[in-house]
Full PDB file with SEQRES, HELIX, SHEET, SSBOND, CRYST1, ORIGX, SCALE, CONECT and MASTER records, all heavy atoms in Angstrom:
SEQRES   1 A   30  ALA GLN ASN THR GLU MET GLY LEU SER LEU VAL ALA LEU          
SEQRES   2 A   30  GLN PHE ILE ARG ALA LEU TYR ASP VAL GLU ASP GLU ALA          
SEQRES   3 A   30  THR SER LEU SER                                              
HELIX    1 AA1 MET A    6  ALA A   26  1                                  21    
CRYST1    1.000    1.000    1.000  90.00  90.00  90.00 P 1           1          
ORIGX1      1.000000  0.000000  0.000000        0.00000                         
ORIGX2      0.000000  1.000000  0.000000        0.00000                         
ORIGX3      0.000000  0.000000  1.000000        0.00000                         
SCALE1      1.000000  0.000000  0.000000        0.00000                         
SCALE2      0.000000  1.000000  0.000000        0.00000                         
SCALE3      0.000000  0.000000  1.000000        0.00000                         
ATOM      1  N   ALA A   1       0.815  -1.219   0.000  1.00  0.00           N  
ATOM      2  CA  ALA A   1       0.000   0.000   0.000  1.00  0.00           C  
ATOM      3  C   ALA A   1       0.844   1.263   0.000  1.00  0.00           C  
ATOM      4  O   ALA A   1       0.298   2.367  -0.148  1.00  0.00           O  
ATOM      5  CB  ALA A   1      -0.939   0.000   1.210  1.00  0.00           C  
ATOM      6  N   GLN A   2       2.160   1.150   0.153  1.00  0.00           N  
ATOM      7  CA  GLN A   2       3.014   2.339   0.133  1.00  0.00           C  
ATOM      8  C   GLN A   2       2.910   3.109  -1.173  1.00  0.00           C  
ATOM      9  O   GLN A   2       3.100   4.323  -1.205  1.00  0.00           O  
ATOM     10  CB  GLN A   2       4.479   1.931   0.313  1.00  0.00           C  
ATOM     11  CG  GLN A   2       4.838   1.406   1.677  1.00  0.00           C  
ATOM     12  CD  GLN A   2       6.305   1.024   1.710  1.00  0.00           C  
ATOM     13  OE1 GLN A   2       7.159   1.829   2.078  1.00  0.00           O  
ATOM     14  NE2 GLN A   2       6.611  -0.191   1.302  1.00  0.00           N  
ATOM     15  N   ASN A   3       2.601   2.405  -2.258  1.00  0.00           N  
ATOM     16  CA  ASN A   3       2.586   3.056  -3.568  1.00  0.00           C  
ATOM     17  C   ASN A   3       1.480   4.102  -3.674  1.00  0.00           C  
ATOM     18  O   ASN A   3       1.580   5.022  -4.493  1.00  0.00           O  
ATOM     19  CB  ASN A   3       2.398   1.997  -4.653  1.00  0.00           C  
ATOM     20  CG  ASN A   3       3.491   0.949  -4.623  1.00  0.00           C  
ATOM     21  OD1 ASN A   3       4.657   1.286  -4.714  1.00  0.00           O  
ATOM     22  ND2 ASN A   3       3.119  -0.310  -4.474  1.00  0.00           N  
ATOM     23  N   THR A   4       0.428   3.964  -2.866  1.00  0.00           N  
ATOM     24  CA  THR A   4      -0.676   4.922  -2.944  1.00  0.00           C  
ATOM     25  C   THR A   4      -0.810   5.775  -1.682  1.00  0.00           C  
ATOM     26  O   THR A   4      -1.380   6.854  -1.738  1.00  0.00           O  
ATOM     27  CB  THR A   4      -2.002   4.179  -3.178  1.00  0.00           C  
ATOM     28  OG1 THR A   4      -2.182   3.191  -2.150  1.00  0.00           O  
ATOM     29  CG2 THR A   4      -1.987   3.480  -4.537  1.00  0.00           C  
ATOM     30  N   GLU A   5      -0.334   5.296  -0.545  1.00  0.00           N  
ATOM     31  CA  GLU A   5      -0.433   6.044   0.712  1.00  0.00           C  
ATOM     32  C   GLU A   5       0.782   5.717   1.560  1.00  0.00           C  
ATOM     33  O   GLU A   5       0.726   4.893   2.475  1.00  0.00           O  
ATOM     34  CB  GLU A   5      -1.729   5.662   1.441  1.00  0.00           C  
ATOM     35  CG  GLU A   5      -2.017   6.480   2.692  1.00  0.00           C  
ATOM     36  CD  GLU A   5      -2.141   7.961   2.395  1.00  0.00           C  
ATOM     37  OE1 GLU A   5      -3.101   8.359   1.725  1.00  0.00           O  
ATOM     38  OE2 GLU A   5      -1.239   8.706   2.833  1.00  0.00           O  
ATOM     39  N   MET A   6       1.896   6.383   1.263  1.00  0.00           N  
ATOM     40  CA  MET A   6       3.153   5.996   1.892  1.00  0.00           C  
ATOM     41  C   MET A   6       3.183   6.314   3.376  1.00  0.00           C  
ATOM     42  O   MET A   6       3.600   5.490   4.198  1.00  0.00           O  
ATOM     43  CB  MET A   6       4.326   6.683   1.190  1.00  0.00           C  
ATOM     44  CG  MET A   6       5.673   6.381   1.854  1.00  0.00           C  
ATOM     45  SD  MET A   6       7.083   6.997   0.930  1.00  0.00           S  
ATOM     46  CE  MET A   6       7.110   5.807  -0.414  1.00  0.00           C  
ATOM     47  N   GLY A   7       2.754   7.503   3.771  1.00  0.00           N  
ATOM     48  CA  GLY A   7       2.891   7.932   5.159  1.00  0.00           C  
ATOM     49  C   GLY A   7       2.242   6.986   6.143  1.00  0.00           C  
ATOM     50  O   GLY A   7       2.887   6.450   7.052  1.00  0.00           O  
ATOM     51  N   LEU A   8       0.949   6.745   5.978  1.00  0.00           N  
ATOM     52  CA  LEU A   8       0.223   5.883   6.905  1.00  0.00           C  
ATOM     53  C   LEU A   8       0.683   4.432   6.808  1.00  0.00           C  
ATOM     54  O   LEU A   8       0.711   3.717   7.813  1.00  0.00           O  
ATOM     55  CB  LEU A   8      -1.282   5.978   6.633  1.00  0.00           C  
ATOM     56  CG  LEU A   8      -1.906   7.351   6.883  1.00  0.00           C  
ATOM     57  CD1 LEU A   8      -3.375   7.344   6.493  1.00  0.00           C  
ATOM     58  CD2 LEU A   8      -1.747   7.763   8.340  1.00  0.00           C  
ATOM     59  N   SER A   9       1.039   4.005   5.609  1.00  0.00           N  
ATOM     60  CA  SER A   9       1.518   2.629   5.452  1.00  0.00           C  
ATOM     61  C   SER A   9       2.817   2.420   6.223  1.00  0.00           C  
ATOM     62  O   SER A   9       3.018   1.376   6.862  1.00  0.00           O  
ATOM     63  CB  SER A   9       1.736   2.310   3.965  1.00  0.00           C  
ATOM     64  OG  SER A   9       0.530   2.402   3.242  1.00  0.00           O  
ATOM     65  N   LEU A  10       3.701   3.413   6.190  1.00  0.00           N  
ATOM     66  CA  LEU A  10       4.952   3.289   6.920  1.00  0.00           C  
ATOM     67  C   LEU A  10       4.731   3.258   8.426  1.00  0.00           C  
ATOM     68  O   LEU A  10       5.458   2.569   9.156  1.00  0.00           O  
ATOM     69  CB  LEU A  10       5.884   4.441   6.552  1.00  0.00           C  
ATOM     70  CG  LEU A  10       6.503   4.381   5.154  1.00  0.00           C  
ATOM     71  CD1 LEU A  10       7.280   5.656   4.863  1.00  0.00           C  
ATOM     72  CD2 LEU A  10       7.408   3.169   5.019  1.00  0.00           C  
ATOM     73  N   VAL A  11       3.732   3.979   8.899  1.00  0.00           N  
ATOM     74  CA  VAL A  11       3.430   3.935  10.336  1.00  0.00           C  
ATOM     75  C   VAL A  11       2.994   2.529  10.731  1.00  0.00           C  
ATOM     76  O   VAL A  11       3.444   1.972  11.740  1.00  0.00           O  
ATOM     77  CB  VAL A  11       2.344   4.967  10.694  1.00  0.00           C  
ATOM     78  CG1 VAL A  11       1.955   4.827  12.158  1.00  0.00           C  
ATOM     79  CG2 VAL A  11       2.839   6.379  10.421  1.00  0.00           C  
ATOM     80  N   ALA A  12       2.102   1.938   9.919  1.00  0.00           N  
ATOM     81  CA  ALA A  12       1.662   0.571  10.206  1.00  0.00           C  
ATOM     82  C   ALA A  12       2.839  -0.399  10.163  1.00  0.00           C  
ATOM     83  O   ALA A  12       2.962  -1.292  11.008  1.00  0.00           O  
ATOM     84  CB  ALA A  12       0.590   0.160   9.197  1.00  0.00           C  
ATOM     85  N   LEU A  13       3.714  -0.217   9.200  1.00  0.00           N  
ATOM     86  CA  LEU A  13       4.878  -1.102   9.091  1.00  0.00           C  
ATOM     87  C   LEU A  13       5.793  -0.965  10.299  1.00  0.00           C  
ATOM     88  O   LEU A  13       6.417  -1.948  10.728  1.00  0.00           O  
ATOM     89  CB  LEU A  13       5.647  -0.784   7.805  1.00  0.00           C  
ATOM     90  CG  LEU A  13       4.961  -1.199   6.493  1.00  0.00           C  
ATOM     91  CD1 LEU A  13       5.715  -0.630   5.299  1.00  0.00           C  
ATOM     92  CD2 LEU A  13       4.877  -2.715   6.385  1.00  0.00           C  
ATOM     93  N   GLN A  14       5.872   0.245  10.868  1.00  0.00           N  
ATOM     94  CA  GLN A  14       6.732   0.414  12.029  1.00  0.00           C  
ATOM     95  C   GLN A  14       6.142  -0.267  13.265  1.00  0.00           C  
ATOM     96  O   GLN A  14       6.881  -0.815  14.092  1.00  0.00           O  
ATOM     97  CB  GLN A  14       6.974   1.896  12.302  1.00  0.00           C  
ATOM     98  CG  GLN A  14       7.873   2.146  13.497  1.00  0.00           C  
ATOM     99  CD  GLN A  14       9.176   1.363  13.409  1.00  0.00           C  
ATOM    100  OE1 GLN A  14       9.710   1.162  12.310  1.00  0.00           O  
ATOM    101  NE2 GLN A  14       9.673   0.894  14.534  1.00  0.00           N  
ATOM    102  N   PHE A  15       4.819  -0.241  13.402  1.00  0.00           N  
ATOM    103  CA  PHE A  15       4.198  -0.992  14.498  1.00  0.00           C  
ATOM    104  C   PHE A  15       4.561  -2.472  14.385  1.00  0.00           C  
ATOM    105  O   PHE A  15       4.917  -3.121  15.374  1.00  0.00           O  
ATOM    106  CB  PHE A  15       2.675  -0.827  14.453  1.00  0.00           C  
ATOM    107  CG  PHE A  15       2.167   0.376  15.203  1.00  0.00           C  
ATOM    108  CD1 PHE A  15       1.646   1.461  14.519  1.00  0.00           C  
ATOM    109  CD2 PHE A  15       2.205   0.415  16.594  1.00  0.00           C  
ATOM    110  CE1 PHE A  15       1.166   2.565  15.206  1.00  0.00           C  
ATOM    111  CE2 PHE A  15       1.736   1.521  17.279  1.00  0.00           C  
ATOM    112  CZ  PHE A  15       1.212   2.604  16.592  1.00  0.00           C  
ATOM    113  N   ILE A  16       4.457  -2.995  13.186  1.00  0.00           N  
ATOM    114  CA  ILE A  16       4.747  -4.419  12.982  1.00  0.00           C  
ATOM    115  C   ILE A  16       6.230  -4.692  13.201  1.00  0.00           C  
ATOM    116  O   ILE A  16       6.615  -5.722  13.766  1.00  0.00           O  
ATOM    117  CB  ILE A  16       4.292  -4.857  11.581  1.00  0.00           C  
ATOM    118  CG1 ILE A  16       2.776  -4.687  11.444  1.00  0.00           C  
ATOM    119  CG2 ILE A  16       4.679  -6.308  11.308  1.00  0.00           C  
ATOM    120  CD1 ILE A  16       2.241  -4.968  10.063  1.00  0.00           C  
ATOM    121  N   ARG A  17       7.065  -3.767  12.781  1.00  0.00           N  
ATOM    122  CA  ARG A  17       8.497  -3.956  13.002  1.00  0.00           C  
ATOM    123  C   ARG A  17       8.814  -3.985  14.491  1.00  0.00           C  
ATOM    124  O   ARG A  17       9.663  -4.761  14.948  1.00  0.00           O  
ATOM    125  CB  ARG A  17       9.293  -2.840  12.330  1.00  0.00           C  
ATOM    126  CG  ARG A  17      10.770  -2.916  12.685  1.00  0.00           C  
ATOM    127  CD  ARG A  17      11.567  -1.824  12.053  1.00  0.00           C  
ATOM    128  NE  ARG A  17      12.794  -1.613  12.818  1.00  0.00           N  
ATOM    129  CZ  ARG A  17      13.754  -0.792  12.432  1.00  0.00           C  
ATOM    130  NH1 ARG A  17      13.651  -0.119  11.317  1.00  0.00           N  
ATOM    131  NH2 ARG A  17      14.830  -0.642  13.175  1.00  0.00           N  
ATOM    132  N   ALA A  18       8.118  -3.155  15.273  1.00  0.00           N  
ATOM    133  CA  ALA A  18       8.342  -3.166  16.725  1.00  0.00           C  
ATOM    134  C   ALA A  18       7.978  -4.522  17.319  1.00  0.00           C  
ATOM    135  O   ALA A  18       8.638  -4.997  18.247  1.00  0.00           O  
ATOM    136  CB  ALA A  18       7.517  -2.058  17.383  1.00  0.00           C  
ATOM    137  N   LEU A  19       6.933  -5.157  16.784  1.00  0.00           N  
ATOM    138  CA  LEU A  19       6.566  -6.495  17.249  1.00  0.00           C  
ATOM    139  C   LEU A  19       7.658  -7.504  16.911  1.00  0.00           C  
ATOM    140  O   LEU A  19       7.973  -8.391  17.714  1.00  0.00           O  
ATOM    141  CB  LEU A  19       5.240  -6.916  16.613  1.00  0.00           C  
ATOM    142  CG  LEU A  19       4.005  -6.108  17.016  1.00  0.00           C  
ATOM    143  CD1 LEU A  19       2.803  -6.508  16.160  1.00  0.00           C  
ATOM    144  CD2 LEU A  19       3.685  -6.312  18.493  1.00  0.00           C  
ATOM    145  N   TYR A  20       8.244  -7.371  15.733  1.00  0.00           N  
ATOM    146  CA  TYR A  20       9.313  -8.286  15.342  1.00  0.00           C  
ATOM    147  C   TYR A  20      10.599  -8.023  16.126  1.00  0.00           C  
ATOM    148  O   TYR A  20      11.407  -8.943  16.320  1.00  0.00           O  
ATOM    149  CB  TYR A  20       9.574  -8.187  13.837  1.00  0.00           C  
ATOM    150  CG  TYR A  20       8.687  -9.092  13.016  1.00  0.00           C  
ATOM    151  CD1 TYR A  20       7.461  -8.652  12.539  1.00  0.00           C  
ATOM    152  CD2 TYR A  20       9.067 -10.402  12.750  1.00  0.00           C  
ATOM    153  CE1 TYR A  20       6.635  -9.491  11.793  1.00  0.00           C  
ATOM    154  CE2 TYR A  20       8.265 -11.242  12.002  1.00  0.00           C  
ATOM    155  CZ  TYR A  20       7.044 -10.780  11.526  1.00  0.00           C  
ATOM    156  OH  TYR A  20       6.239 -11.619  10.799  1.00  0.00           O  
ATOM    157  N   ASP A  21      10.799  -6.787  16.576  1.00  0.00           N  
ATOM    158  CA  ASP A  21      11.952  -6.509  17.432  1.00  0.00           C  
ATOM    159  C   ASP A  21      11.870  -7.321  18.718  1.00  0.00           C  
ATOM    160  O   ASP A  21      12.879  -7.841  19.211  1.00  0.00           O  
ATOM    161  CB  ASP A  21      12.021  -5.016  17.756  1.00  0.00           C  
ATOM    162  CG  ASP A  21      12.550  -4.193  16.599  1.00  0.00           C  
ATOM    163  OD1 ASP A  21      13.228  -4.772  15.724  1.00  0.00           O  
ATOM    164  OD2 ASP A  21      12.286  -2.977  16.553  1.00  0.00           O  
ATOM    165  N   VAL A  22      10.672  -7.431  19.257  1.00  0.00           N  
ATOM    166  CA  VAL A  22      10.481  -8.244  20.465  1.00  0.00           C  
ATOM    167  C   VAL A  22      10.785  -9.705  20.164  1.00  0.00           C  
ATOM    168  O   VAL A  22      11.414 -10.404  20.968  1.00  0.00           O  
ATOM    169  CB  VAL A  22       9.043  -8.087  21.001  1.00  0.00           C  
ATOM    170  CG1 VAL A  22       8.840  -8.958  22.244  1.00  0.00           C  
ATOM    171  CG2 VAL A  22       8.742  -6.631  21.325  1.00  0.00           C  
ATOM    172  N   GLU A  23      10.343 -10.169  18.997  1.00  0.00           N  
ATOM    173  CA  GLU A  23      10.607 -11.559  18.622  1.00  0.00           C  
ATOM    174  C   GLU A  23      12.098 -11.833  18.460  1.00  0.00           C  
ATOM    175  O   GLU A  23      12.574 -12.932  18.760  1.00  0.00           O  
ATOM    176  CB  GLU A  23       9.865 -11.905  17.326  1.00  0.00           C  
ATOM    177  CG  GLU A  23       8.350 -11.861  17.463  1.00  0.00           C  
ATOM    178  CD  GLU A  23       7.847 -12.735  18.585  1.00  0.00           C  
ATOM    179  OE1 GLU A  23       8.101 -13.954  18.557  1.00  0.00           O  
ATOM    180  OE2 GLU A  23       7.218 -12.188  19.516  1.00  0.00           O  
ATOM    181  N   ASP A  24      12.845 -10.846  17.981  1.00  0.00           N  
ATOM    182  CA  ASP A  24      14.289 -11.013  17.871  1.00  0.00           C  
ATOM    183  C   ASP A  24      14.923 -11.238  19.247  1.00  0.00           C  
ATOM    184  O   ASP A  24      15.834 -12.055  19.403  1.00  0.00           O  
ATOM    185  CB  ASP A  24      14.917  -9.785  17.198  1.00  0.00           C  
ATOM    186  CG  ASP A  24      14.575  -9.703  15.728  1.00  0.00           C  
ATOM    187  OD1 ASP A  24      14.167 -10.730  15.160  1.00  0.00           O  
ATOM    188  OD2 ASP A  24      14.704  -8.603  15.146  1.00  0.00           O  
ATOM    189  N   GLU A  25      14.416 -10.516  20.242  1.00  0.00           N  
ATOM    190  CA  GLU A  25      14.933 -10.694  21.597  1.00  0.00           C  
ATOM    191  C   GLU A  25      14.526 -12.052  22.170  1.00  0.00           C  
ATOM    192  O   GLU A  25      15.244 -12.644  22.974  1.00  0.00           O  
ATOM    193  CB  GLU A  25      14.391  -9.592  22.512  1.00  0.00           C  
ATOM    194  CG  GLU A  25      14.881  -8.188  22.171  1.00  0.00           C  
ATOM    195  CD  GLU A  25      14.324  -7.163  23.138  1.00  0.00           C  
ATOM    196  OE1 GLU A  25      13.897  -7.553  24.240  1.00  0.00           O  
ATOM    197  OE2 GLU A  25      14.309  -5.969  22.783  1.00  0.00           O  
ATOM    198  N   ALA A  26      13.364 -12.567  21.738  1.00  0.00           N  
ATOM    199  CA  ALA A  26      12.822 -13.784  22.331  1.00  0.00           C  
ATOM    200  C   ALA A  26      13.348 -15.058  21.682  1.00  0.00           C  
ATOM    201  O   ALA A  26      13.014 -16.154  22.136  1.00  0.00           O  
ATOM    202  CB  ALA A  26      11.289 -13.763  22.224  1.00  0.00           C  
ATOM    203  N   THR A  27      14.175 -14.931  20.657  1.00  0.00           N  
ATOM    204  CA  THR A  27      14.604 -16.110  19.899  1.00  0.00           C  
ATOM    205  C   THR A  27      15.289 -17.150  20.773  1.00  0.00           C  
ATOM    206  O   THR A  27      15.015 -18.349  20.675  1.00  0.00           O  
ATOM    207  CB  THR A  27      15.549 -15.683  18.760  1.00  0.00           C  
ATOM    208  OG1 THR A  27      14.868 -14.766  17.900  1.00  0.00           O  
ATOM    209  CG2 THR A  27      15.996 -16.893  17.951  1.00  0.00           C  
ATOM    210  N   SER A  28      16.178 -16.713  21.644  1.00  0.00           N  
ATOM    211  CA  SER A  28      16.975 -17.649  22.442  1.00  0.00           C  
ATOM    212  C   SER A  28      16.346 -17.974  23.796  1.00  0.00           C  
ATOM    213  O   SER A  28      16.965 -18.663  24.605  1.00  0.00           O  
ATOM    214  CB  SER A  28      18.376 -17.070  22.662  1.00  0.00           C  
ATOM    215  OG  SER A  28      18.291 -15.814  23.320  1.00  0.00           O  
ATOM    216  N   LEU A  29      15.141 -17.503  24.056  1.00  0.00           N  
ATOM    217  CA  LEU A  29      14.497 -17.717  25.352  1.00  0.00           C  
ATOM    218  C   LEU A  29      13.697 -19.001  25.370  1.00  0.00           C  
ATOM    219  O   LEU A  29      13.353 -19.559  24.323  1.00  0.00           O  
ATOM    220  CB  LEU A  29      13.588 -16.529  25.680  1.00  0.00           C  
ATOM    221  CG  LEU A  29      14.234 -15.142  25.726  1.00  0.00           C  
ATOM    222  CD1 LEU A  29      13.190 -14.091  26.051  1.00  0.00           C  
ATOM    223  CD2 LEU A  29      15.373 -15.103  26.735  1.00  0.00           C  
ATOM    224  N   SER A  30      13.374 -19.459  26.552  1.00  0.00           N  
ATOM    225  CA  SER A  30      12.492 -20.607  26.694  1.00  0.00           C  
ATOM    226  C   SER A  30      11.064 -20.197  26.381  1.00  0.00           C  
ATOM    227  O   SER A  30      10.748 -19.003  26.260  1.00  0.00           O  
ATOM    228  CB  SER A  30      12.577 -21.169  28.112  1.00  0.00           C  
ATOM    229  OG  SER A  30      12.058 -20.231  29.048  1.00  0.00           O  
TER     230      SER A  30                                                      
MASTER        0    0    0    1    0    0    0    6  229    1    0    3          
END                                                                             
């Protein structure tokens, strides 16, 4: 959706990236 509405799409992508940042920390955990 960036091709038609970049600003809001990037905000949504950053929320999702923040979720994946947590997953990166959790990789080696039980």
